[in-house]
Amino acid sequence: MGGLTPAELAGGPPLDVAVIGGGINGAAIARAAAAHGLRAALFEASDYGFGTTWRSTKLIHGGLRYLEHGDVGLVFESLRERAWLLATRPYLVRPQRFLLPVLPWTRRPAWQLRMGLATYDLLALYRGVPGHRRLSDARLRELAPYLPAEARGGFSFFDARVIAPERLTWELVREARQLGAVCFNHCPVVAIEAPGGSVEAVVVEQSGQRVRVPARAVVNAAGPWVDAVNRLGDLPPPELLGVTRGSHIVVELDGDPGHDAVFSTAKSDGRVFFAVPQDDLLLIGTTDDRYDGDPGAVQPTAEDIAYLLEEGRALLPGLDIRKERVRYAYAGLRPLQKVAGGPEAAITRRHAVIDHGKLGGARGMYSVVGGKLSTFRPLANDVIERLLGRKAARWEAAAPAGWREQLLGLGFDHPLRRHLRRYGAEAPRAAELGRDLLCPHAPGLEGEVQFAARFEQAATVGDALLRRTGIGWAKCRGLCCHQRAAELMGEELGWDAAERQRQAAAYEAEVAYHLPVEGTIDRHAPGPG
């Protein structure tokens, strides 16, 4: 079924399930559904991973801070999934050491931090990463001389980082297709039909044409757009979301940012605060503010940037963090469960699967809210169990054999090997299409763009540079090579000269909006509401 078009689906038997939303959770649900033999299709309005997945802090963490709120079950689940990802996707998910300094504004005394970290290690069952360590003043200063002079020792502990969450999403889409699901990006659902109180069909739009696709069930995994998608149905939907905005800045330093990340609390308000190396840049975040606006209009605000700069300077005074060093900022939305009042950080990150039929809505309609980047597998299994009425089968996976050797065999230098590892065993296939460098600021190849267009459903320059190759995350935001990328994609997709120019201009607009540079944020950012 994997190669069918929406029109061909319309003329066939009903889908067992139509999944709406191609983020990490929607992709995982489509994969799990296909693995269980269901006739499944995935519909994504933009590109795979475009929403929350693409704009996260890129951490695969167990949720150390969730211990503060007593959510031991979520921490255990997250740590189990962290170990699974480290074992099965080692080319994408890597151990990440964090330094946790003890500062005058640290929320907890050192003995409580030590107890929390010991509990964290215990819940992880010591799988996948080393345990925490106490750091003396001298050792902390040796590892991180850029920290404040007020630091009185601290701790090191390990979590994990995903190199490219958008590629992890793509891998799930690819596996779903291999298992028989049909997956469409740039194909929004515009209506959900349930005229008799039960789901009968979804109406999708592709290339300006609307097609009615019959389906027995619909799973709404649209992230921040869950409530908006539910309004496309025939029955009044419940309001499910309590959305918060998380903003980040990406900073260029004088030298290499090193390998260690820093985990702390913000000096001004006690929020959890990260500084994480991102190749030769430093990612600083994040904010956590309620957001009531259009999910498609989310941007970092001037206030977000000022807050992150101020806290970055307080935490990392030796790195000379200032606005002139900000290469871009971005913001994403957390599609959390709706709660009344309370601090944003206390809203649970647990997922919930809502059966609309049990709430007086359409039978066969389900919505997914909450969840974390790292817990897509149990979330997907939960959905499958609702659909099938029985326990989901074990989700098996293994790391591809020989991917390291294949990567070394390409003969590239270390920066390019580091970049190409995101492809795992697919790296040789991408490289063989073109070994010329695409961008002077990012170690990416021209062949990657062709590979994205030919084999990975990339339909725009943004799809290729931002959500397949990762070249758009460099300090130049891909604006040194987007014209060439449009030429390469045009050769693959049959674009004429006018379409290539249109695609290049669309990319410029996309990065100007979603990855704004310092000095343009005041003009663009609408803020919540």
Protein backbone atom coordinates (compact mmCIF):
# COMPACT_ATOMS: atom_id res chain seq x y z
CA MET A 1 0.00 0.00 0.00
CA GLY A 2 3.03 2.26 0.50
CA GLY A 3 3.03 3.86 -2.97
CA LEU A 4 -0.64 4.77 -3.27
CA THR A 5 -1.84 8.34 -3.84
CA PRO A 6 -4.73 9.92 -1.89
CA ALA A 7 -6.95 9.47 -4.95
CA GLU A 8 -6.11 5.75 -5.06
CA LEU A 9 -6.83 5.46 -1.35
CA ALA A 10 -10.21 7.08 -1.98
CA GLY A 11 -11.20 4.31 -4.34
CA GLY A 12 -10.07 1.46 -2.12
CA PRO A 13 -11.32 -0.13 1.10
CA PRO A 14 -11.50 2.08 4.20
CA LEU A 15 -8.36 2.68 6.16
CA ASP A 16 -8.20 1.00 9.53
CA VAL A 17 -6.71 4.23 10.84
CA ALA A 18 -5.88 7.68 9.49
CA VAL A 19 -3.17 9.39 11.54
CA ILE A 20 -3.17 13.19 11.44
CA GLY A 21 0.15 14.86 12.21
CA GLY A 22 3.65 13.84 11.12
CA GLY A 23 5.66 14.78 14.19
CA ILE A 24 7.57 12.22 16.22
CA ASN A 25 4.38 10.84 17.79
CA GLY A 26 2.30 10.66 14.62
CA ALA A 27 5.15 8.95 12.77
CA ALA A 28 5.54 6.44 15.61
CA ILE A 29 1.80 5.71 15.63
CA ALA A 30 1.79 5.11 11.86
CA ARG A 31 4.76 2.77 12.20
CA ALA A 32 3.19 0.84 15.06
CA ALA A 33 -0.13 0.56 13.23
CA ALA A 34 1.54 -0.81 10.11
CA ALA A 35 3.62 -3.23 12.21
CA HIS A 36 0.37 -4.61 13.65
CA GLY A 37 -1.05 -5.21 10.17
CA LEU A 38 -3.44 -2.26 10.12
CA ARG A 39 -4.23 -0.46 6.90
CA ALA A 40 -2.80 2.93 7.94
CA ALA A 41 -2.13 6.30 6.40
CA LEU A 42 -0.32 9.33 7.83
CA PHE A 43 -1.24 12.86 6.75
CA GLU A 44 1.03 15.82 7.60
CA ALA A 45 -0.01 19.37 6.71
CA SER A 46 3.56 20.67 6.39
CA ASP A 47 6.66 18.48 6.56
CA TYR A 48 7.51 15.60 8.85
CA GLY A 49 8.78 16.89 12.18
CA PHE A 50 7.89 20.50 11.34
CA GLY A 51 6.12 21.46 14.56
CA THR A 52 7.28 20.72 18.10
CA THR A 53 9.73 17.96 17.08
CA TRP A 54 11.80 20.24 14.87
CA ARG A 55 12.02 23.02 17.46
CA SER A 56 12.88 21.14 20.64
CA THR A 57 16.01 21.30 22.83
CA LYS A 58 17.05 18.05 21.10
CA LEU A 59 17.52 16.13 24.32
CA ILE A 60 16.62 12.51 25.01
CA HIS A 61 16.45 12.87 28.76
CA GLY A 62 14.83 10.98 31.56
CA GLY A 63 13.35 14.09 33.12
CA LEU A 64 15.51 14.74 36.16
CA ARG A 65 13.33 17.71 37.06
CA TYR A 66 10.19 15.52 37.02
CA LEU A 67 11.46 13.92 40.23
CA GLU A 68 10.73 17.25 41.92
CA HIS A 69 7.06 16.75 41.08
CA GLY A 70 7.06 13.13 42.21
CA ASP A 71 6.44 11.67 38.76
CA VAL A 72 8.69 8.66 39.26
CA GLY A 73 6.77 6.58 36.71
CA LEU A 74 7.40 9.07 33.91
CA VAL A 75 11.09 9.29 34.81
CA PHE A 76 11.44 5.49 34.78
CA GLU A 77 9.65 5.24 31.42
CA SER A 78 11.77 8.03 29.95
CA LEU A 79 15.02 6.48 31.14
CA ARG A 80 14.01 3.10 29.74
CA GLU A 81 13.33 4.72 26.37
CA ARG A 82 16.62 6.62 26.56
CA ALA A 83 18.49 3.31 26.95
CA TRP A 84 16.53 1.81 24.04
CA LEU A 85 17.34 4.72 21.74
CA LEU A 86 21.02 4.69 22.69
CA ALA A 87 21.13 0.99 21.83
CA THR A 88 19.09 1.06 18.62
CA ARG A 89 19.89 4.52 17.13
CA PRO A 90 23.51 5.15 18.22
CA TYR A 91 24.23 7.19 15.08
CA LEU A 92 21.46 9.66 16.01
CA VAL A 93 21.28 9.47 19.82
CA ARG A 94 24.48 9.90 21.83
CA PRO A 95 25.33 10.09 25.53
CA GLN A 96 25.64 13.68 26.72
CA ARG A 97 27.49 14.68 29.86
CA PHE A 98 25.95 17.52 31.85
CA LEU A 99 27.63 19.65 34.48
CA LEU A 100 25.39 20.78 37.33
CA PRO A 101 27.11 23.55 39.32
CA VAL A 102 26.01 24.38 42.85
CA LEU A 103 25.31 28.12 42.75
CA PRO A 104 23.81 30.56 45.26
CA TRP A 105 20.58 30.52 43.24
CA THR A 106 20.41 26.73 42.77
CA ARG A 107 16.96 25.67 44.00
CA ARG A 108 18.13 22.67 46.01
CA PRO A 109 21.02 22.19 48.43
CA ALA A 110 23.85 19.90 47.36
CA TRP A 111 22.69 16.96 49.49
CA GLN A 112 19.26 17.00 47.85
CA LEU A 113 20.81 17.20 44.39
CA ARG A 114 22.97 14.19 45.24
CA MET A 115 19.94 12.22 46.41
CA GLY A 116 18.02 13.15 43.26
CA LEU A 117 20.90 12.11 41.00
CA ALA A 118 21.35 8.83 42.88
CA THR A 119 17.64 8.13 42.41
CA TYR A 120 17.98 9.02 38.72
CA ASP A 121 20.82 6.52 38.34
CA LEU A 122 18.81 3.86 40.16
CA LEU A 123 15.72 4.37 37.98
CA ALA A 124 17.94 4.11 34.90
CA LEU A 125 19.18 0.74 36.19
CA TYR A 126 22.64 2.03 35.17
CA ARG A 127 21.89 1.27 31.52
CA GLY A 128 23.44 3.08 28.59
CA VAL A 129 25.34 5.86 30.38
CA PRO A 130 27.65 6.27 33.40
CA GLY A 131 26.31 7.33 36.78
CA HIS A 132 26.64 10.76 38.36
CA ARG A 133 29.75 12.05 40.11
CA ARG A 134 30.40 14.69 42.74
CA LEU A 135 32.76 17.42 41.49
CA SER A 136 35.02 19.42 43.76
CA ASP A 137 35.50 23.14 43.24
CA ALA A 138 38.82 22.48 41.54
CA ARG A 139 37.48 19.73 39.25
CA LEU A 140 34.46 21.77 38.22
CA ARG A 141 36.73 24.75 37.49
CA GLU A 142 38.98 22.49 35.41
CA LEU A 143 36.06 21.18 33.36
CA ALA A 144 34.21 24.47 33.02
CA PRO A 145 36.30 27.56 33.75
CA TYR A 146 33.55 29.68 32.20
CA LEU A 147 31.12 29.07 35.10
CA PRO A 148 30.52 31.75 37.78
CA ALA A 149 33.12 32.27 40.49
CA GLU A 150 30.32 31.68 43.05
CA ALA A 151 30.04 28.01 42.00
CA ARG A 152 30.84 25.71 44.91
CA GLY A 153 31.58 22.47 43.17
CA GLY A 154 28.76 20.50 41.65
CA PHE A 155 27.96 17.26 39.89
CA SER A 156 28.28 15.58 36.53
CA PHE A 157 25.63 13.25 35.18
CA PHE A 158 24.73 11.78 31.82
CA ASP A 159 21.61 11.99 29.71
CA ALA A 160 21.45 11.79 25.92
CA ARG A 161 21.13 14.10 22.95
CA VAL A 162 19.55 13.45 19.57
CA ILE A 163 21.64 14.95 16.79
CA ALA A 164 18.59 15.65 14.63
CA PRO A 165 15.09 14.90 15.99
CA GLU A 166 13.65 15.64 12.56
CA ARG A 167 15.72 12.78 11.10
CA LEU A 168 14.58 10.46 13.88
CA THR A 169 11.04 11.36 12.82
CA TRP A 170 11.89 10.67 9.18
CA GLU A 171 13.28 7.25 10.10
CA LEU A 172 9.96 6.34 11.74
CA VAL A 173 8.13 7.51 8.61
CA ARG A 174 10.45 5.45 6.43
CA GLU A 175 9.90 2.36 8.57
CA ALA A 176 6.14 2.92 8.51
CA ARG A 177 6.26 2.99 4.71
CA GLN A 178 8.39 -0.14 4.60
CA LEU A 179 5.81 -1.88 6.77
CA GLY A 180 3.00 -0.89 4.41
CA ALA A 181 1.66 2.45 5.66
CA VAL A 182 1.06 5.34 3.27
CA CYS A 183 2.63 8.61 4.40
CA PHE A 184 2.02 12.04 2.93
CA ASN A 185 3.63 15.36 3.81
CA HIS A 186 2.27 18.70 2.55
CA CYS A 187 -1.13 17.03 2.61
CA PRO A 188 -3.43 18.61 5.24
CA VAL A 189 -6.65 17.06 6.48
CA VAL A 190 -9.41 19.63 5.93
CA ALA A 191 -12.41 17.69 7.26
CA ILE A 192 -13.25 14.67 9.42
CA GLU A 193 -16.57 13.05 8.54
CA ALA A 194 -18.61 11.27 11.21
CA PRO A 195 -22.22 11.88 10.11
CA GLY A 196 -23.75 9.01 12.08
CA GLY A 197 -21.68 9.53 15.21
CA SER A 198 -18.89 7.25 13.96
CA VAL A 199 -15.83 8.17 11.91
CA GLU A 200 -16.33 7.44 8.24
CA ALA A 201 -13.72 9.44 6.33
CA VAL A 202 -11.18 12.22 6.24
CA VAL A 203 -10.97 14.81 3.49
CA VAL A 204 -7.41 15.71 2.50
CA GLU A 205 -5.96 18.32 0.20
CA GLN A 206 -2.95 17.67 -2.00
CA SER A 207 -1.72 19.97 -4.77
CA GLY A 208 -4.94 21.97 -4.60
CA GLN A 209 -7.19 18.92 -5.01
CA ARG A 210 -9.51 17.64 -2.26
CA VAL A 211 -9.98 13.91 -1.84
CA ARG A 212 -12.30 11.98 0.48
CA VAL A 213 -10.50 8.99 2.00
CA PRO A 214 -12.71 6.48 3.87
CA ALA A 215 -11.42 5.48 7.32
CA ARG A 216 -12.77 3.52 10.27
CA ALA A 217 -10.73 5.43 12.85
CA VAL A 218 -8.81 8.69 13.12
CA VAL A 219 -5.94 9.42 15.50
CA ASN A 220 -5.30 13.11 15.95
CA ALA A 221 -1.58 13.45 16.74
CA ALA A 222 -1.26 17.02 15.49
CA GLY A 223 0.60 18.31 18.55
CA PRO A 224 -0.16 22.02 19.13
CA TRP A 225 -2.82 21.78 16.42
CA VAL A 226 -4.83 19.03 18.18
CA ASP A 227 -7.71 21.32 19.15
CA ALA A 228 -7.75 22.93 15.70
CA VAL A 229 -7.89 19.53 13.99
CA ASN A 230 -10.70 18.37 16.28
CA ARG A 231 -12.76 21.35 15.12
CA LEU A 232 -12.72 19.83 11.63
CA GLY A 233 -15.08 17.09 12.80
CA ASP A 234 -18.88 16.87 12.77
CA LEU A 235 -19.31 16.81 16.56
CA PRO A 236 -18.32 19.49 19.11
CA PRO A 237 -14.86 18.57 20.40
CA PRO A 238 -13.47 18.99 23.90
CA GLU A 239 -10.68 21.52 24.48
CA LEU A 240 -7.70 19.34 25.34
CA LEU A 241 -4.56 21.45 25.17
CA GLY A 242 -2.66 23.66 27.57
CA VAL A 243 0.10 24.89 25.28
CA THR A 244 3.38 26.44 26.45
CA ARG A 245 6.05 28.12 24.34
CA GLY A 246 9.72 27.21 24.64
CA SER A 247 12.25 29.54 23.02
CA HIS A 248 15.97 29.03 22.39
CA ILE A 249 18.90 31.05 21.14
CA VAL A 250 21.87 29.68 19.20
CA VAL A 251 25.16 31.47 19.88
CA GLU A 252 28.54 31.50 18.17
CA LEU A 253 31.48 31.59 20.58
CA ASP A 254 35.12 32.57 20.11
CA GLY A 255 36.15 28.93 20.20
CA ASP A 256 34.74 25.43 20.15
CA PRO A 257 31.91 25.01 22.71
CA GLY A 258 33.38 21.69 23.81
CA HIS A 259 31.49 18.51 24.57
CA ASP A 260 29.88 19.17 27.96
CA ALA A 261 26.43 20.67 28.42
CA VAL A 262 25.38 22.66 31.50
CA PHE A 263 22.18 22.01 33.48
CA SER A 264 21.16 24.61 36.02
CA THR A 265 18.33 26.81 37.23
CA ALA A 266 17.74 30.33 36.01
CA LYS A 267 18.93 33.01 38.41
CA SER A 268 15.86 35.23 38.01
CA ASP A 269 13.02 32.72 38.35
CA GLY A 270 14.38 29.23 39.11
CA ARG A 271 13.35 27.65 35.81
CA VAL A 272 15.35 24.73 34.46
CA PHE A 273 18.05 26.09 32.16
CA PHE A 274 20.26 24.37 29.56
CA ALA A 275 23.36 25.23 27.55
CA VAL A 276 24.06 22.44 25.05
CA PRO A 277 26.80 22.24 22.36
CA GLN A 278 25.36 22.04 18.85
CA ASP A 279 28.34 21.26 16.61
CA ASP A 280 30.35 24.53 16.63
CA LEU A 281 27.50 26.56 18.17
CA LEU A 282 25.90 26.70 21.63
CA LEU A 283 22.17 26.14 22.14
CA ILE A 284 20.74 28.01 25.15
CA GLY A 285 17.21 27.48 26.47
CA THR A 286 14.53 27.34 27.34
CA THR A 287 11.53 29.43 28.29
CA ASP A 288 8.23 27.92 29.44
CA ASP A 289 5.31 30.34 29.01
CA ARG A 290 1.65 29.69 28.31
CA TYR A 291 0.66 30.37 24.72
CA ASP A 292 -2.87 30.96 23.44
CA GLY A 293 -2.18 32.10 19.88
CA ASP A 294 -2.16 30.44 16.48
CA PRO A 295 0.31 27.50 16.63
CA GLY A 296 1.49 28.38 13.13
CA ALA A 297 2.46 31.89 14.26
CA VAL A 298 4.74 30.94 17.14
CA GLN A 299 8.06 32.78 17.29
CA PRO A 300 10.55 33.75 19.95
CA THR A 301 9.70 37.16 21.35
CA ALA A 302 12.08 39.99 22.16
CA GLU A 303 11.39 39.28 25.84
CA ASP A 304 12.36 35.63 25.37
CA ILE A 305 15.67 36.60 23.81
CA ALA A 306 16.46 39.16 26.50
CA TYR A 307 15.68 36.58 29.20
CA LEU A 308 17.88 33.90 27.61
CA LEU A 309 20.76 36.33 27.11
CA GLU A 310 20.57 37.56 30.69
CA GLU A 311 20.47 34.06 32.11
CA GLY A 312 23.15 32.86 29.71
CA ARG A 313 25.48 35.60 30.91
CA ALA A 314 24.74 34.76 34.56
CA LEU A 315 25.41 31.05 34.09
CA LEU A 316 28.30 31.27 31.61
CA PRO A 317 30.09 34.56 32.34
CA GLY A 318 33.35 33.29 30.86
CA LEU A 319 31.84 32.72 27.41
CA ASP A 320 30.96 36.37 26.73
CA ILE A 321 27.33 35.68 25.79
CA ARG A 322 25.86 38.79 24.14
CA LYS A 323 23.27 39.64 21.53
CA GLU A 324 25.84 40.18 18.75
CA ARG A 325 26.76 36.52 19.04
CA VAL A 326 23.20 35.23 18.54
CA ARG A 327 23.08 33.64 15.11
CA TYR A 328 19.38 32.82 15.30
CA ALA A 329 16.56 31.99 17.69
CA TYR A 330 13.61 29.64 17.47
CA ALA A 331 10.50 28.72 19.40
CA GLY A 332 8.36 25.61 19.67
CA LEU A 333 5.15 24.70 21.44
CA ARG A 334 4.62 21.95 23.99
CA PRO A 335 1.19 20.36 23.43
CA LEU A 336 0.51 19.54 27.08
CA GLN A 337 -2.67 18.48 28.81
CA LYS A 338 -5.01 21.33 29.71
CA VAL A 339 -4.90 22.26 33.40
CA ALA A 340 -6.21 25.25 35.31
CA GLY A 341 -3.58 27.52 36.88
CA GLY A 342 -0.31 26.51 38.46
CA PRO A 343 3.24 26.99 37.19
CA GLU A 344 3.94 25.93 33.60
CA ALA A 345 6.86 23.70 34.61
CA ALA A 346 4.54 21.67 36.86
CA ILE A 347 2.21 20.64 34.01
CA THR A 348 2.70 16.93 33.46
CA ARG A 349 4.66 15.75 30.41
CA ARG A 350 2.80 12.45 30.49
CA HIS A 351 0.80 11.63 27.37
CA ALA A 352 -2.92 10.93 27.31
CA VAL A 353 -4.96 9.19 24.62
CA ILE A 354 -8.49 10.59 24.51
CA ASP A 355 -11.31 8.37 23.20
CA HIS A 356 -13.86 10.89 21.90
CA GLY A 357 -16.59 8.25 21.78
CA LYS A 358 -16.45 7.89 25.55
CA LEU A 359 -16.92 11.66 25.93
CA GLY A 360 -20.01 11.81 23.76
CA GLY A 361 -18.09 12.56 20.57
CA ALA A 362 -17.49 10.56 17.43
CA ARG A 363 -16.79 6.86 17.86
CA GLY A 364 -13.47 5.91 16.30
CA MET A 365 -11.96 9.35 16.98
CA TYR A 366 -8.90 9.57 19.24
CA SER A 367 -6.65 12.46 20.25
CA VAL A 368 -3.15 12.36 21.68
CA VAL A 369 -1.92 15.12 24.00
CA GLY A 370 1.23 15.51 26.04
CA GLY A 371 4.25 13.28 25.67
CA LYS A 372 7.97 13.89 25.26
CA LEU A 373 10.43 13.57 22.43
CA SER A 374 11.86 10.40 23.99
CA THR A 375 8.63 8.53 24.79
CA PHE A 376 7.11 8.09 21.33
CA ARG A 377 7.26 4.29 21.53
CA PRO A 378 5.05 3.74 24.63
CA LEU A 379 2.72 6.48 23.37
CA ALA A 380 2.31 4.71 20.04
CA ASN A 381 1.73 1.37 21.75
CA ASP A 382 -0.93 2.96 23.95
CA VAL A 383 -2.78 4.16 20.84
CA ILE A 384 -2.53 0.74 19.18
CA GLU A 385 -3.95 -0.95 22.27
CA ARG A 386 -6.94 1.41 22.14
CA LEU A 387 -7.49 0.60 18.46
CA LEU A 388 -7.07 -3.16 18.79
CA GLY A 389 -8.43 -3.70 22.29
CA ARG A 390 -5.43 -5.83 23.22
CA LYS A 391 -1.82 -5.47 24.26
CA ALA A 392 0.52 -4.19 21.56
CA ALA A 393 3.33 -6.42 20.34
CA ARG A 394 6.90 -5.73 21.42
CA TRP A 395 8.56 -3.05 19.30
CA GLU A 396 11.76 -4.69 18.09
CA ALA A 397 14.68 -2.80 16.61
CA ALA A 398 18.45 -3.09 16.36
CA ALA A 399 21.22 -0.75 15.32
CA PRO A 400 22.22 -1.23 11.66
CA ALA A 401 25.28 -3.45 11.42
CA GLY A 402 28.50 -1.86 10.22
CA TRP A 403 27.33 1.75 10.05
CA ARG A 404 30.51 3.06 11.73
CA GLU A 405 32.76 1.17 9.34
CA GLN A 406 30.74 2.39 6.35
CA LEU A 407 31.06 5.96 7.57
CA LEU A 408 34.83 5.67 8.04
CA GLY A 409 35.12 4.05 4.63
CA LEU A 410 33.87 7.20 2.91
CA GLY A 411 37.25 8.82 3.52
CA PHE A 412 35.96 12.16 4.82
CA ASP A 413 37.51 14.28 7.58
CA HIS A 414 36.10 14.34 11.11
CA PRO A 415 33.66 17.29 10.75
CA LEU A 416 32.05 15.72 7.70
CA ARG A 417 31.90 12.28 9.31
CA ARG A 418 30.30 13.87 12.38
CA HIS A 419 27.70 15.46 10.14
CA LEU A 420 27.00 12.37 8.03
CA ARG A 421 26.52 10.04 11.01
CA ARG A 422 22.90 11.28 11.16
CA TYR A 423 22.23 9.00 8.17
CA GLY A 424 23.53 5.86 9.84
CA ALA A 425 23.86 3.10 7.27
CA GLU A 426 22.33 5.40 4.63
CA ALA A 427 25.37 7.72 4.61
CA PRO A 428 27.12 6.03 1.65
CA ARG A 429 23.96 6.28 -0.47
CA ALA A 430 23.65 10.00 0.21
CA ALA A 431 27.36 10.66 -0.38
CA GLU A 432 27.56 8.76 -3.65
CA LEU A 433 25.11 11.18 -5.28
CA GLY A 434 27.52 14.09 -4.92
CA ARG A 435 30.64 14.56 -2.77
CA ASP A 436 31.07 18.30 -3.39
CA LEU A 437 30.57 20.51 -0.34
CA LEU A 438 27.33 22.47 -0.46
CA CYS A 439 27.96 25.17 2.14
CA PRO A 440 31.17 26.76 3.49
CA HIS A 441 29.69 26.96 7.02
CA ALA A 442 28.30 23.43 7.35
CA PRO A 443 30.01 20.15 6.42
CA GLY A 444 27.22 19.00 4.12
CA LEU A 445 27.31 17.49 0.64
CA GLU A 446 25.40 18.30 -2.52
CA GLY A 447 24.44 14.64 -2.74
CA GLU A 448 22.46 14.93 0.49
CA VAL A 449 20.05 17.38 -1.12
CA GLN A 450 19.54 15.09 -4.10
CA PHE A 451 19.09 12.14 -1.76
CA ALA A 452 16.44 14.05 0.22
CA ALA A 453 14.48 14.89 -2.93
CA ARG A 454 14.83 11.48 -4.58
CA PHE A 455 14.35 9.14 -1.62
CA GLU A 456 13.09 11.09 1.41
CA GLN A 457 9.98 12.94 0.21
CA ALA A 458 11.62 16.37 0.49
CA ALA A 459 9.36 18.67 -1.55
CA THR A 460 10.79 22.11 -0.66
CA VAL A 461 14.23 23.57 -0.05
CA GLY A 462 13.23 23.92 3.61
CA ASP A 463 12.41 20.22 3.79
CA ALA A 464 15.89 19.40 2.49
CA LEU A 465 18.06 21.93 4.33
CA LEU A 466 16.22 22.09 7.66
CA ARG A 467 14.58 18.69 8.14
CA ARG A 468 16.67 16.17 6.17
CA THR A 469 20.29 17.35 5.92
CA GLY A 470 20.43 19.74 8.91
CA ILE A 471 22.55 22.19 6.90
CA GLY A 472 20.07 24.98 7.67
CA TRP A 473 20.99 24.77 11.38
CA ALA A 474 24.47 26.19 10.66
CA LYS A 475 25.28 29.77 11.61
CA CYS A 476 24.44 30.91 8.06
CA ARG A 477 21.02 29.19 8.28
CA GLY A 478 21.66 27.68 4.84
CA LEU A 479 21.44 31.06 3.13
CA CYS A 480 24.89 30.56 1.59
CA CYS A 481 23.71 27.54 -0.40
CA HIS A 482 19.93 27.61 -0.75
CA GLN A 483 20.09 28.74 -4.38
CA ARG A 484 22.31 25.78 -5.23
CA ALA A 485 20.02 23.50 -3.23
CA ALA A 486 17.08 24.73 -5.32
CA GLU A 487 19.02 23.88 -8.50
CA LEU A 488 19.82 20.37 -7.24
CA MET A 489 16.25 19.72 -6.14
CA GLY A 490 14.99 21.14 -9.42
CA GLU A 491 17.00 18.55 -11.31
CA GLU A 492 15.39 15.79 -9.23
CA LEU A 493 11.82 17.12 -9.16
CA GLY A 494 11.57 18.77 -12.56
CA TRP A 495 11.40 22.40 -11.45
CA ASP A 496 11.83 25.03 -14.15
CA ALA A 497 13.86 28.19 -13.55
CA ALA A 498 10.89 30.15 -12.23
CA GLU A 499 9.98 27.40 -9.75
CA ARG A 500 13.57 27.20 -8.54
CA GLN A 501 13.56 30.90 -7.81
CA ARG A 502 10.21 30.63 -6.08
CA GLN A 503 11.49 27.78 -3.92
CA ALA A 504 14.64 29.72 -2.99
CA ALA A 505 12.57 32.75 -2.03
CA ALA A 506 10.22 30.55 0.02
CA TYR A 507 13.21 29.22 1.92
CA GLU A 508 14.43 32.72 2.69
CA ALA A 509 10.99 33.55 4.09
CA GLU A 510 10.89 30.32 6.12
CA VAL A 511 14.18 30.90 7.92
CA ALA A 512 13.44 34.61 8.40
CA TYR A 513 10.27 33.64 10.25
CA HIS A 514 11.19 30.43 12.06
CA LEU A 515 14.91 31.09 12.67
CA PRO A 516 14.97 34.87 13.07
CA VAL A 517 18.26 36.66 13.68
CA GLU A 518 18.87 39.26 16.37
CA GLY A 519 17.59 42.62 15.22
CA THR A 520 14.56 41.23 13.34
CA ILE A 521 12.75 39.63 16.27
CA ASP A 522 11.04 42.81 17.48
CA ARG A 523 9.58 43.38 14.05
CA HIS A 524 8.34 39.83 13.45
CA ALA A 525 7.35 38.33 16.77
CA PRO A 526 3.62 38.67 17.49
CA GLY A 527 3.80 37.11 20.95
CA PRO A 528 1.02 35.01 22.44
CA GLY A 529 -2.63 35.89 22.17
